[in-house]
N, C-alpha and C. Protein backbone atom coordinates (compact mmCIF):
# COMPACT_ATOMS: atom_id res chain seq x y z
N MET A 1 11.68 -5.08 -4.86
CA MET A 1 10.97 -6.21 -4.28
C MET A 1 9.68 -6.43 -5.07
N LYS A 2 9.38 -7.66 -5.35
CA LYS A 2 8.12 -7.97 -6.03
C LYS A 2 6.95 -7.85 -5.05
N ILE A 3 5.81 -7.46 -5.58
CA ILE A 3 4.60 -7.38 -4.76
C ILE A 3 4.28 -8.75 -4.18
N SER A 4 4.54 -9.80 -4.93
CA SER A 4 4.29 -11.16 -4.43
C SER A 4 5.16 -11.47 -3.22
N THR A 5 6.36 -10.94 -3.18
CA THR A 5 7.24 -11.12 -2.03
C THR A 5 6.67 -10.41 -0.81
N MET A 6 6.15 -9.20 -1.01
CA MET A 6 5.52 -8.48 0.09
C MET A 6 4.34 -9.28 0.64
N LYS A 7 3.57 -9.84 -0.26
CA LYS A 7 2.41 -10.66 0.13
C LYS A 7 2.87 -11.81 1.03
N GLU A 8 3.93 -12.50 0.63
CA GLU A 8 4.44 -13.63 1.41
C GLU A 8 5.00 -13.17 2.75
N LEU A 9 5.80 -12.11 2.75
CA LEU A 9 6.42 -11.62 3.99
C LEU A 9 5.39 -11.20 5.03
N LEU A 10 4.28 -10.62 4.55
CA LEU A 10 3.25 -10.11 5.46
C LEU A 10 2.10 -11.09 5.68
N GLY A 11 2.14 -12.23 5.02
CA GLY A 11 1.03 -13.18 5.13
C GLY A 11 -0.28 -12.52 4.70
N ALA A 12 -0.20 -11.72 3.64
CA ALA A 12 -1.33 -10.90 3.22
C ALA A 12 -2.29 -11.65 2.30
N LYS A 13 -3.52 -11.16 2.31
CA LYS A 13 -4.56 -11.66 1.41
C LYS A 13 -4.77 -10.61 0.32
N VAL A 14 -4.82 -11.04 -0.94
CA VAL A 14 -4.99 -10.14 -2.07
C VAL A 14 -6.48 -10.04 -2.42
N TYR A 15 -6.94 -8.80 -2.62
CA TYR A 15 -8.35 -8.57 -2.96
C TYR A 15 -8.57 -8.23 -4.42
N CYS A 16 -7.56 -7.67 -5.07
CA CYS A 16 -7.73 -7.41 -6.50
C CYS A 16 -6.38 -7.22 -7.18
N CYS A 17 -6.43 -7.32 -8.49
CA CYS A 17 -5.27 -7.10 -9.36
C CYS A 17 -4.14 -8.11 -9.13
N GLU A 18 -4.51 -9.37 -8.87
CA GLU A 18 -3.54 -10.44 -8.66
C GLU A 18 -2.57 -10.57 -9.82
N GLU A 19 -3.02 -10.19 -11.01
CA GLU A 19 -2.16 -10.30 -12.19
C GLU A 19 -0.94 -9.39 -12.11
N SER A 20 -0.95 -8.43 -11.18
CA SER A 20 0.17 -7.50 -11.03
C SER A 20 1.13 -7.89 -9.90
N LEU A 21 0.96 -9.06 -9.30
CA LEU A 21 1.83 -9.46 -8.19
C LEU A 21 3.29 -9.60 -8.60
N GLY A 22 3.57 -9.75 -9.87
CA GLY A 22 4.94 -9.87 -10.34
C GLY A 22 5.65 -8.54 -10.54
N ARG A 23 4.92 -7.44 -10.36
CA ARG A 23 5.54 -6.11 -10.53
C ARG A 23 6.53 -5.83 -9.41
N HIS A 24 7.54 -5.06 -9.73
CA HIS A 24 8.56 -4.67 -8.76
C HIS A 24 8.22 -3.31 -8.18
N VAL A 25 8.48 -3.15 -6.89
CA VAL A 25 8.34 -1.86 -6.22
C VAL A 25 9.67 -1.56 -5.52
N TYR A 26 9.95 -0.28 -5.36
CA TYR A 26 11.25 0.12 -4.82
C TYR A 26 11.14 0.99 -3.57
N SER A 27 9.93 1.38 -3.20
CA SER A 27 9.77 2.20 -2.01
C SER A 27 8.34 2.09 -1.49
N ALA A 28 8.18 2.48 -0.23
CA ALA A 28 6.87 2.40 0.41
C ALA A 28 6.74 3.49 1.46
N CYS A 29 5.51 3.71 1.89
CA CYS A 29 5.25 4.62 3.01
C CYS A 29 4.10 4.06 3.82
N GLY A 30 4.06 4.44 5.07
CA GLY A 30 2.98 4.03 5.96
C GLY A 30 2.34 5.24 6.59
N SER A 31 1.01 5.39 6.44
CA SER A 31 0.32 6.53 7.03
C SER A 31 -1.18 6.26 7.08
N ASP A 32 -1.80 6.78 8.14
CA ASP A 32 -3.26 6.77 8.22
C ASP A 32 -3.84 8.14 7.89
N MET A 33 -2.97 9.08 7.60
CA MET A 33 -3.41 10.44 7.27
C MET A 33 -3.16 10.71 5.79
N MET A 34 -4.23 10.70 5.01
CA MET A 34 -4.08 10.90 3.57
C MET A 34 -3.58 12.30 3.25
N SER A 35 -3.85 13.27 4.11
CA SER A 35 -3.32 14.62 3.87
C SER A 35 -1.79 14.60 3.93
N ASP A 36 -1.21 13.81 4.82
CA ASP A 36 0.25 13.68 4.87
C ASP A 36 0.78 12.97 3.64
N VAL A 37 0.07 11.98 3.18
CA VAL A 37 0.49 11.26 1.97
C VAL A 37 0.52 12.24 0.80
N LEU A 38 -0.51 13.05 0.67
CA LEU A 38 -0.57 14.01 -0.43
C LEU A 38 0.50 15.09 -0.30
N ALA A 39 0.77 15.52 0.93
CA ALA A 39 1.70 16.63 1.14
C ALA A 39 3.17 16.22 1.11
N TYR A 40 3.49 15.03 1.60
CA TYR A 40 4.89 14.69 1.82
C TYR A 40 5.40 13.49 1.05
N VAL A 41 4.55 12.70 0.47
CA VAL A 41 4.99 11.46 -0.16
C VAL A 41 5.12 11.63 -1.66
N LYS A 42 6.30 11.36 -2.15
CA LYS A 42 6.57 11.41 -3.58
C LYS A 42 7.31 10.14 -3.97
N ASP A 43 7.00 9.63 -5.13
CA ASP A 43 7.71 8.48 -5.69
C ASP A 43 7.64 7.24 -4.79
N GLN A 44 6.52 7.02 -4.16
CA GLN A 44 6.32 5.82 -3.35
C GLN A 44 5.38 4.89 -4.13
N ALA A 45 5.70 3.65 -4.19
CA ALA A 45 4.90 2.71 -4.96
C ALA A 45 3.86 1.99 -4.11
N VAL A 46 4.11 1.90 -2.79
CA VAL A 46 3.25 1.12 -1.90
C VAL A 46 2.80 1.99 -0.73
N LEU A 47 1.51 1.91 -0.41
CA LEU A 47 0.97 2.61 0.74
C LEU A 47 0.48 1.58 1.75
N LEU A 48 1.00 1.66 2.97
CA LEU A 48 0.50 0.83 4.07
C LEU A 48 -0.36 1.74 4.94
N THR A 49 -1.57 1.31 5.25
CA THR A 49 -2.48 2.15 6.01
C THR A 49 -3.50 1.31 6.76
N GLY A 50 -4.05 1.89 7.81
CA GLY A 50 -5.14 1.28 8.54
C GLY A 50 -6.44 2.01 8.29
N LEU A 51 -6.38 3.05 7.46
CA LEU A 51 -7.57 3.83 7.13
C LEU A 51 -8.33 3.13 6.01
N VAL A 52 -9.59 2.86 6.25
CA VAL A 52 -10.39 2.13 5.26
C VAL A 52 -11.54 3.00 4.78
N ASN A 53 -11.30 3.69 3.67
CA ASN A 53 -12.36 4.44 2.99
C ASN A 53 -11.93 4.70 1.56
N PRO A 54 -12.86 5.08 0.69
CA PRO A 54 -12.53 5.26 -0.73
C PRO A 54 -11.46 6.32 -0.98
N GLN A 55 -11.28 7.28 -0.06
CA GLN A 55 -10.27 8.31 -0.25
C GLN A 55 -8.85 7.72 -0.30
N VAL A 56 -8.66 6.58 0.34
CA VAL A 56 -7.35 5.92 0.29
C VAL A 56 -7.04 5.52 -1.15
N ILE A 57 -8.02 4.97 -1.84
CA ILE A 57 -7.82 4.55 -3.23
C ILE A 57 -7.58 5.77 -4.10
N ARG A 58 -8.36 6.81 -3.91
CA ARG A 58 -8.21 8.05 -4.71
C ARG A 58 -6.84 8.67 -4.47
N THR A 59 -6.39 8.67 -3.22
CA THR A 59 -5.08 9.22 -2.90
C THR A 59 -3.98 8.41 -3.58
N ALA A 60 -4.05 7.11 -3.46
CA ALA A 60 -3.05 6.24 -4.10
C ALA A 60 -3.04 6.44 -5.61
N GLU A 61 -4.21 6.59 -6.17
CA GLU A 61 -4.33 6.81 -7.61
C GLU A 61 -3.66 8.14 -8.01
N MET A 62 -3.93 9.20 -7.24
CA MET A 62 -3.33 10.51 -7.53
C MET A 62 -1.81 10.48 -7.42
N MET A 63 -1.30 9.66 -6.52
CA MET A 63 0.14 9.60 -6.27
C MET A 63 0.83 8.51 -7.10
N ASP A 64 0.10 7.90 -8.04
CA ASP A 64 0.64 6.86 -8.92
C ASP A 64 1.18 5.65 -8.17
N MET A 65 0.56 5.32 -7.05
CA MET A 65 0.96 4.12 -6.30
C MET A 65 0.35 2.90 -6.97
N ILE A 66 1.03 1.77 -6.84
CA ILE A 66 0.54 0.56 -7.51
C ILE A 66 0.06 -0.51 -6.53
N CYS A 67 0.19 -0.24 -5.23
CA CYS A 67 -0.21 -1.24 -4.24
C CYS A 67 -0.62 -0.56 -2.93
N ILE A 68 -1.71 -1.05 -2.36
CA ILE A 68 -2.16 -0.61 -1.04
C ILE A 68 -2.23 -1.85 -0.15
N ILE A 69 -1.65 -1.72 1.04
CA ILE A 69 -1.71 -2.81 2.02
C ILE A 69 -2.40 -2.27 3.26
N PHE A 70 -3.54 -2.86 3.58
CA PHE A 70 -4.26 -2.48 4.80
C PHE A 70 -3.71 -3.31 5.95
N VAL A 71 -3.37 -2.64 7.03
CA VAL A 71 -2.81 -3.30 8.21
C VAL A 71 -3.91 -3.55 9.24
N ARG A 72 -3.55 -4.29 10.29
CA ARG A 72 -4.46 -4.57 11.42
C ARG A 72 -5.76 -5.25 10.98
N GLU A 73 -5.67 -6.10 9.98
CA GLU A 73 -6.82 -6.86 9.48
C GLU A 73 -7.98 -5.98 9.03
N LYS A 74 -7.68 -4.76 8.60
CA LYS A 74 -8.72 -3.88 8.08
C LYS A 74 -9.21 -4.43 6.76
N MET A 75 -10.52 -4.43 6.56
CA MET A 75 -11.11 -5.02 5.36
C MET A 75 -11.67 -3.94 4.45
N PRO A 76 -11.25 -3.93 3.19
CA PRO A 76 -11.80 -2.97 2.24
C PRO A 76 -13.24 -3.32 1.89
N THR A 77 -14.01 -2.30 1.56
CA THR A 77 -15.40 -2.51 1.15
C THR A 77 -15.42 -2.96 -0.31
N PRO A 78 -16.53 -3.53 -0.76
CA PRO A 78 -16.65 -3.89 -2.18
C PRO A 78 -16.43 -2.68 -3.09
N GLU A 79 -16.92 -1.51 -2.67
CA GLU A 79 -16.73 -0.29 -3.46
C GLU A 79 -15.25 0.03 -3.61
N MET A 80 -14.50 -0.11 -2.52
CA MET A 80 -13.07 0.16 -2.56
C MET A 80 -12.34 -0.83 -3.46
N ILE A 81 -12.72 -2.08 -3.37
CA ILE A 81 -12.09 -3.11 -4.21
C ILE A 81 -12.33 -2.80 -5.68
N GLU A 82 -13.54 -2.39 -6.02
CA GLU A 82 -13.85 -2.05 -7.40
C GLU A 82 -13.07 -0.83 -7.87
N LEU A 83 -12.96 0.19 -7.03
CA LEU A 83 -12.16 1.38 -7.37
C LEU A 83 -10.71 1.01 -7.63
N ALA A 84 -10.15 0.17 -6.76
CA ALA A 84 -8.76 -0.27 -6.94
C ALA A 84 -8.60 -1.08 -8.22
N ARG A 85 -9.55 -1.95 -8.48
CA ARG A 85 -9.50 -2.77 -9.70
C ARG A 85 -9.52 -1.86 -10.93
N GLU A 86 -10.40 -0.87 -10.94
CA GLU A 86 -10.49 0.06 -12.07
C GLU A 86 -9.18 0.83 -12.28
N SER A 87 -8.48 1.10 -11.19
CA SER A 87 -7.23 1.86 -11.25
C SER A 87 -6.00 0.97 -11.42
N GLY A 88 -6.19 -0.34 -11.36
CA GLY A 88 -5.07 -1.27 -11.49
C GLY A 88 -4.16 -1.28 -10.28
N ILE A 89 -4.72 -0.97 -9.10
CA ILE A 89 -3.94 -0.94 -7.87
C ILE A 89 -4.14 -2.26 -7.11
N VAL A 90 -3.04 -2.95 -6.84
CA VAL A 90 -3.11 -4.18 -6.05
C VAL A 90 -3.56 -3.80 -4.64
N MET A 91 -4.54 -4.53 -4.12
CA MET A 91 -5.04 -4.27 -2.77
C MET A 91 -4.91 -5.53 -1.94
N MET A 92 -4.24 -5.38 -0.77
CA MET A 92 -4.03 -6.51 0.13
C MET A 92 -4.36 -6.10 1.55
N THR A 93 -4.54 -7.09 2.41
CA THR A 93 -4.69 -6.83 3.83
C THR A 93 -3.83 -7.82 4.62
N THR A 94 -3.30 -7.35 5.75
CA THR A 94 -2.48 -8.19 6.62
C THR A 94 -2.94 -8.01 8.06
N ASP A 95 -2.69 -9.00 8.87
CA ASP A 95 -3.05 -8.88 10.29
C ASP A 95 -1.97 -8.16 11.09
N LYS A 96 -0.86 -7.83 10.44
CA LYS A 96 0.24 -7.14 11.12
C LYS A 96 -0.14 -5.69 11.44
N ARG A 97 0.45 -5.17 12.52
CA ARG A 97 0.30 -3.75 12.82
C ARG A 97 1.18 -2.96 11.87
N MET A 98 0.90 -1.68 11.73
CA MET A 98 1.65 -0.83 10.80
C MET A 98 3.15 -0.89 11.08
N TYR A 99 3.53 -0.72 12.33
CA TYR A 99 4.94 -0.72 12.72
C TYR A 99 5.63 -2.02 12.29
N ASP A 100 4.99 -3.13 12.58
CA ASP A 100 5.57 -4.43 12.24
C ASP A 100 5.64 -4.64 10.74
N ALA A 101 4.57 -4.31 10.04
CA ALA A 101 4.53 -4.50 8.58
C ALA A 101 5.61 -3.66 7.91
N CYS A 102 5.73 -2.39 8.30
CA CYS A 102 6.77 -1.54 7.72
C CYS A 102 8.15 -2.07 8.05
N GLY A 103 8.35 -2.52 9.29
CA GLY A 103 9.64 -3.07 9.69
C GLY A 103 10.03 -4.30 8.91
N ILE A 104 9.07 -5.19 8.70
CA ILE A 104 9.34 -6.41 7.93
C ILE A 104 9.76 -6.06 6.51
N LEU A 105 9.03 -5.17 5.88
CA LEU A 105 9.37 -4.80 4.50
C LEU A 105 10.71 -4.08 4.44
N TYR A 106 10.96 -3.19 5.40
CA TYR A 106 12.21 -2.44 5.43
C TYR A 106 13.42 -3.37 5.61
N THR A 107 13.32 -4.28 6.56
CA THR A 107 14.46 -5.16 6.82
C THR A 107 14.70 -6.15 5.68
N ASN A 108 13.71 -6.29 4.82
CA ASN A 108 13.88 -7.16 3.66
C ASN A 108 14.20 -6.39 2.39
N GLY A 109 14.53 -5.10 2.55
CA GLY A 109 15.06 -4.35 1.42
C GLY A 109 14.17 -3.29 0.80
N LEU A 110 12.92 -3.16 1.24
CA LEU A 110 12.04 -2.14 0.70
C LEU A 110 12.15 -0.90 1.57
N VAL A 111 12.61 0.19 1.00
CA VAL A 111 12.87 1.39 1.80
C VAL A 111 11.91 2.51 1.43
N GLY A 112 11.91 3.53 2.26
CA GLY A 112 11.19 4.76 1.95
C GLY A 112 12.18 5.74 1.34
N LYS A 113 11.68 6.89 1.02
CA LYS A 113 12.55 7.95 0.51
C LYS A 113 12.44 9.13 1.47
N PRO A 114 13.44 9.99 1.47
CA PRO A 114 13.38 11.15 2.37
C PRO A 114 12.14 12.00 2.11
N VAL A 115 11.61 12.59 3.16
CA VAL A 115 10.44 13.46 3.04
C VAL A 115 10.87 14.73 2.32
N ARG A 116 10.11 15.08 1.29
CA ARG A 116 10.34 16.35 0.59
C ARG A 116 9.13 17.21 0.83
N HIS A 117 9.34 18.34 1.47
CA HIS A 117 8.23 19.24 1.74
C HIS A 117 7.82 19.94 0.47
N VAL A 118 6.51 20.12 0.32
CA VAL A 118 5.96 20.74 -0.89
C VAL A 118 5.80 22.21 -0.66
């Protein structure tokens, strides 16, 4: 699925790296706990979260994710936007709740991968 398709499906607003909206992603995960993302998430391209702090960007960067979608109308800070821009991570926000946003993406073909314990 293209990142631009995710943007349309979720009615999302893009905050940075618009030039990467044409990139394809093949999996996603949703979590507000960055420790779980670090411990259990592998090979996920998109992170959906309601947690708004710079650690989200650092976590996504460490996990080689290319897109972060903030749910529940959470707004990233200017510092977060700059960190994402420097890392080339597309950052968006949607008014959808996590459950709904994940469901919309899943039913349109974007899946997760099985949890692999580290």
